[in-house]
Structure formats: structure tokens, C-alpha cells
Amino acid sequence: MGQSGTNSFTTYLQGMQRWEKEKQATQVAGTAFSILALLAANGGQTMPLRNLQAGSAMDFTRFADAIKRLQELRYITLSGGPTDESAQLTEFGSEVAALARTA
């Protein structure tokens, strides 16, 4: 009987952890920070803007505004041509993303 209670509590804790992760992901989705988080999760590599927009859950206008703002703040750099443009975190952008993850 003791083990059954332990398994139930473990299952409960795992469910709560999943719920918290999903809640945090939902709160971040569709924001400029979601772009930073996606780039940080990409290991510092460049990421095509089309993939970044798809992962950010933003419409084109909001995404373009967020990219512009992140670039002005020097959190990201852009490279490539209009049809194959990519974004990459700057060192400062990486630090901001890391700080936000730990908050």
C-alpha cells in the first residue's frame, strides 16, 4: 500500500511539472521573448526567419515588429537576402535569454 501512494504522488508531481512547463510556454508564445527563446534553444546557430516565425506563433506583422525591435535592441543580428534571411542571437541577446529563463 505504501508504494501505491508513492507512485500516485510521483505521478501527481510529474503532471504538475508538465502543466507548469505548458503554462510557461503558453505565456511566452507570441512575444518577442518567444523569438529569443527559440534562438537560444537553437544553440546559438542562425535560424531562417520563416522557421522562426512558424515557431513563434505570431502573425507576419507582429513577427516583423518583434524582429525589428530585437534588432534595434541589439539582441539579434540578421543576415542573408530577402528570401533567405536568418537571425542569430548576439552575445547580449544570449545573456538576456539566459536571464529570462532563470527568472
C-alpha atoms as a PDB file:
ATOM      1  CA  MET A   1       0.000   0.000   0.000  1.00  0.00           C
ATOM      2  CA  GLY A   2       2.870   2.407   0.791  1.00  0.00           C
ATOM      3  CA  GLN A   3       4.349   2.008  -2.680  1.00  0.00           C
ATOM      4  CA  SER A   4       0.998   2.674  -4.355  1.00  0.00           C
ATOM      5  CA  GLY A   5       0.758   6.017  -2.523  1.00  0.00           C
ATOM      6  CA  THR A   6       4.312   6.896  -3.564  1.00  0.00           C
ATOM      7  CA  ASN A   7       3.579   6.117  -7.215  1.00  0.00           C
ATOM      8  CA  SER A   8       0.424   8.245  -7.098  1.00  0.00           C
ATOM      9  CA  PHE A   9       2.316  11.170  -5.604  1.00  0.00           C
ATOM     10  CA  THR A  10       5.127  10.819  -8.155  1.00  0.00           C
ATOM     11  CA  THR A  11       2.577  10.764 -10.960  1.00  0.00           C
ATOM     12  CA  TYR A  12       0.924  13.844  -9.480  1.00  0.00           C
ATOM     13  CA  LEU A  13       4.256  15.714  -9.286  1.00  0.00           C
ATOM     14  CA  GLN A  14       5.135  14.787 -12.857  1.00  0.00           C
ATOM     15  CA  GLY A  15       1.743  16.023 -14.024  1.00  0.00           C
ATOM     16  CA  MET A  16       2.214  19.307 -12.172  1.00  0.00           C
ATOM     17  CA  GLN A  17       5.662  19.782 -13.719  1.00  0.00           C
ATOM     18  CA  ARG A  18       4.248  19.181 -17.216  1.00  0.00           C
ATOM     19  CA  TRP A  19       1.416  21.621 -16.526  1.00  0.00           C
ATOM     20  CA  GLU A  20       3.868  24.307 -15.353  1.00  0.00           C
ATOM     21  CA  LYS A  21       6.044  23.883 -18.455  1.00  0.00           C
ATOM     22  CA  GLU A  22       2.999  24.102 -20.722  1.00  0.00           C
ATOM     23  CA  LYS A  23       1.744  27.171 -18.869  1.00  0.00           C
ATOM     24  CA  GLN A  24       5.124  28.910 -19.209  1.00  0.00           C
ATOM     25  CA  ALA A  25       5.342  28.041 -22.905  1.00  0.00           C
ATOM     26  CA  THR A  26       1.859  29.455 -23.473  1.00  0.00           C
ATOM     27  CA  GLN A  27       2.706  32.688 -21.671  1.00  0.00           C
ATOM     28  CA  VAL A  28       5.823  33.162 -23.805  1.00  0.00           C
ATOM     29  CA  ALA A  29       4.319  32.159 -27.166  1.00  0.00           C
ATOM     30  CA  GLY A  30       3.644  35.059 -29.474  1.00  0.00           C
ATOM     31  CA  THR A  31       6.032  37.523 -27.857  1.00  0.00           C
ATOM     32  CA  ALA A  32       9.430  38.925 -28.746  1.00  0.00           C
ATOM     33  CA  PHE A  33      10.807  36.743 -25.977  1.00  0.00           C
ATOM     34  CA  SER A  34       9.495  33.656 -27.748  1.00  0.00           C
ATOM     35  CA  ILE A  35      11.833  34.569 -30.597  1.00  0.00           C
ATOM     36  CA  LEU A  36      14.776  34.882 -28.194  1.00  0.00           C
ATOM     37  CA  ALA A  37      13.835  31.572 -26.580  1.00  0.00           C
ATOM     38  CA  LEU A  38      13.679  29.805 -29.953  1.00  0.00           C
ATOM     39  CA  LEU A  39      17.065  31.179 -30.963  1.00  0.00           C
ATOM     40  CA  ALA A  40      18.578  30.232 -27.599  1.00  0.00           C
ATOM     41  CA  ALA A  41      17.191  26.711 -27.936  1.00  0.00           C
ATOM     42  CA  ASN A  42      18.836  26.540 -31.364  1.00  0.00           C
ATOM     43  CA  GLY A  43      22.252  26.554 -29.682  1.00  0.00           C
ATOM     44  CA  GLY A  44      23.401  29.920 -30.943  1.00  0.00           C
ATOM     45  CA  GLN A  45      23.113  28.895 -34.592  1.00  0.00           C
ATOM     46  CA  THR A  46      21.427  31.041 -37.216  1.00  0.00           C
ATOM     47  CA  MET A  47      17.796  30.276 -37.878  1.00  0.00           C
ATOM     48  CA  PRO A  48      15.834  31.132 -41.022  1.00  0.00           C
ATOM     49  CA  LEU A  49      13.191  33.784 -40.359  1.00  0.00           C
ATOM     50  CA  ARG A  50      10.468  31.594 -41.915  1.00  0.00           C
ATOM     51  CA  ASN A  51      11.216  28.852 -39.338  1.00  0.00           C
ATOM     52  CA  LEU A  52      11.461  31.387 -36.557  1.00  0.00           C
ATOM     53  CA  GLN A  53       8.085  32.889 -37.418  1.00  0.00           C
ATOM     54  CA  ALA A  54       6.453  29.461 -37.561  1.00  0.00           C
ATOM     55  CA  GLY A  55       7.833  28.595 -34.115  1.00  0.00           C
ATOM     56  CA  SER A  56       6.897  31.943 -32.581  1.00  0.00           C
ATOM     57  CA  ALA A  57       3.118  31.596 -33.120  1.00  0.00           C
ATOM     58  CA  MET A  58       2.970  35.192 -34.421  1.00  0.00           C
ATOM     59  CA  ASP A  59       1.294  36.623 -37.488  1.00  0.00           C
ATOM     60  CA  PHE A  60       3.550  38.334 -40.035  1.00  0.00           C
ATOM     61  CA  THR A  61       3.019  41.905 -38.808  1.00  0.00           C
ATOM     62  CA  ARG A  62       3.639  41.152 -35.116  1.00  0.00           C
ATOM     63  CA  PHE A  63       6.624  38.990 -36.037  1.00  0.00           C
ATOM     64  CA  ALA A  64       8.155  41.732 -38.231  1.00  0.00           C
ATOM     65  CA  ASP A  65       7.669  44.307 -35.448  1.00  0.00           C
ATOM     66  CA  ALA A  66       9.266  41.987 -32.882  1.00  0.00           C
ATOM     67  CA  ILE A  67      12.232  41.249 -35.166  1.00  0.00           C
ATOM     68  CA  LYS A  68      12.753  44.968 -35.756  1.00  0.00           C
ATOM     69  CA  ARG A  69      12.599  45.700 -32.010  1.00  0.00           C
ATOM     70  CA  LEU A  70      15.002  42.854 -31.142  1.00  0.00           C
ATOM     71  CA  GLN A  71      17.431  44.058 -33.795  1.00  0.00           C
ATOM     72  CA  GLU A  72      17.244  47.673 -32.548  1.00  0.00           C
ATOM     73  CA  LEU A  73      17.960  46.447 -29.016  1.00  0.00           C
ATOM     74  CA  ARG A  74      20.942  44.514 -30.409  1.00  0.00           C
ATOM     75  CA  TYR A  75      19.596  41.173 -29.145  1.00  0.00           C
ATOM     76  CA  ILE A  76      19.770  39.651 -32.637  1.00  0.00           C
ATOM     77  CA  THR A  77      21.535  40.148 -35.940  1.00  0.00           C
ATOM     78  CA  LEU A  78      20.100  39.415 -39.362  1.00  0.00           C
ATOM     79  CA  SER A  79      21.967  38.025 -42.348  1.00  0.00           C
ATOM     80  CA  GLY A  80      21.168  36.804 -45.839  1.00  0.00           C
ATOM     81  CA  GLY A  81      18.980  38.081 -48.621  1.00  0.00           C
ATOM     82  CA  PRO A  82      15.266  38.913 -48.570  1.00  0.00           C
ATOM     83  CA  THR A  83      14.220  35.352 -49.457  1.00  0.00           C
ATOM     84  CA  ASP A  84      16.652  33.522 -47.182  1.00  0.00           C
ATOM     85  CA  GLU A  85      17.159  35.915 -44.271  1.00  0.00           C
ATOM     86  CA  SER A  86      18.270  34.379 -40.970  1.00  0.00           C
ATOM     87  CA  ALA A  87      18.533  35.604 -37.392  1.00  0.00           C
ATOM     88  CA  GLN A  88      21.141  34.886 -34.761  1.00  0.00           C
ATOM     89  CA  LEU A  89      21.409  35.873 -31.127  1.00  0.00           C
ATOM     90  CA  THR A  90      24.102  38.347 -30.227  1.00  0.00           C
ATOM     91  CA  GLU A  91      26.150  37.767 -27.092  1.00  0.00           C
ATOM     92  CA  PHE A  92      23.944  40.300 -25.325  1.00  0.00           C
ATOM     93  CA  GLY A  93      20.801  38.571 -26.615  1.00  0.00           C
ATOM     94  CA  SER A  94      22.093  35.250 -25.294  1.00  0.00           C
ATOM     95  CA  GLU A  95      22.635  36.778 -21.868  1.00  0.00           C
ATOM     96  CA  VAL A  96      19.131  38.258 -21.833  1.00  0.00           C
ATOM     97  CA  ALA A  97      17.595  34.929 -22.880  1.00  0.00           C
ATOM     98  CA  ALA A  98      19.550  33.111 -20.161  1.00  0.00           C
ATOM     99  CA  LEU A  99      18.477  35.614 -17.500  1.00  0.00           C
ATOM    100  CA  ALA A 100      14.843  35.358 -18.547  1.00  0.00           C
ATOM    101  CA  ARG A 101      14.970  31.543 -18.399  1.00  0.00           C
ATOM    102  CA  THR A 102      16.184  31.600 -14.823  1.00  0.00           C
ATOM    103  CA  ALA A 103      13.627  34.214 -13.692  1.00  0.00           C
END
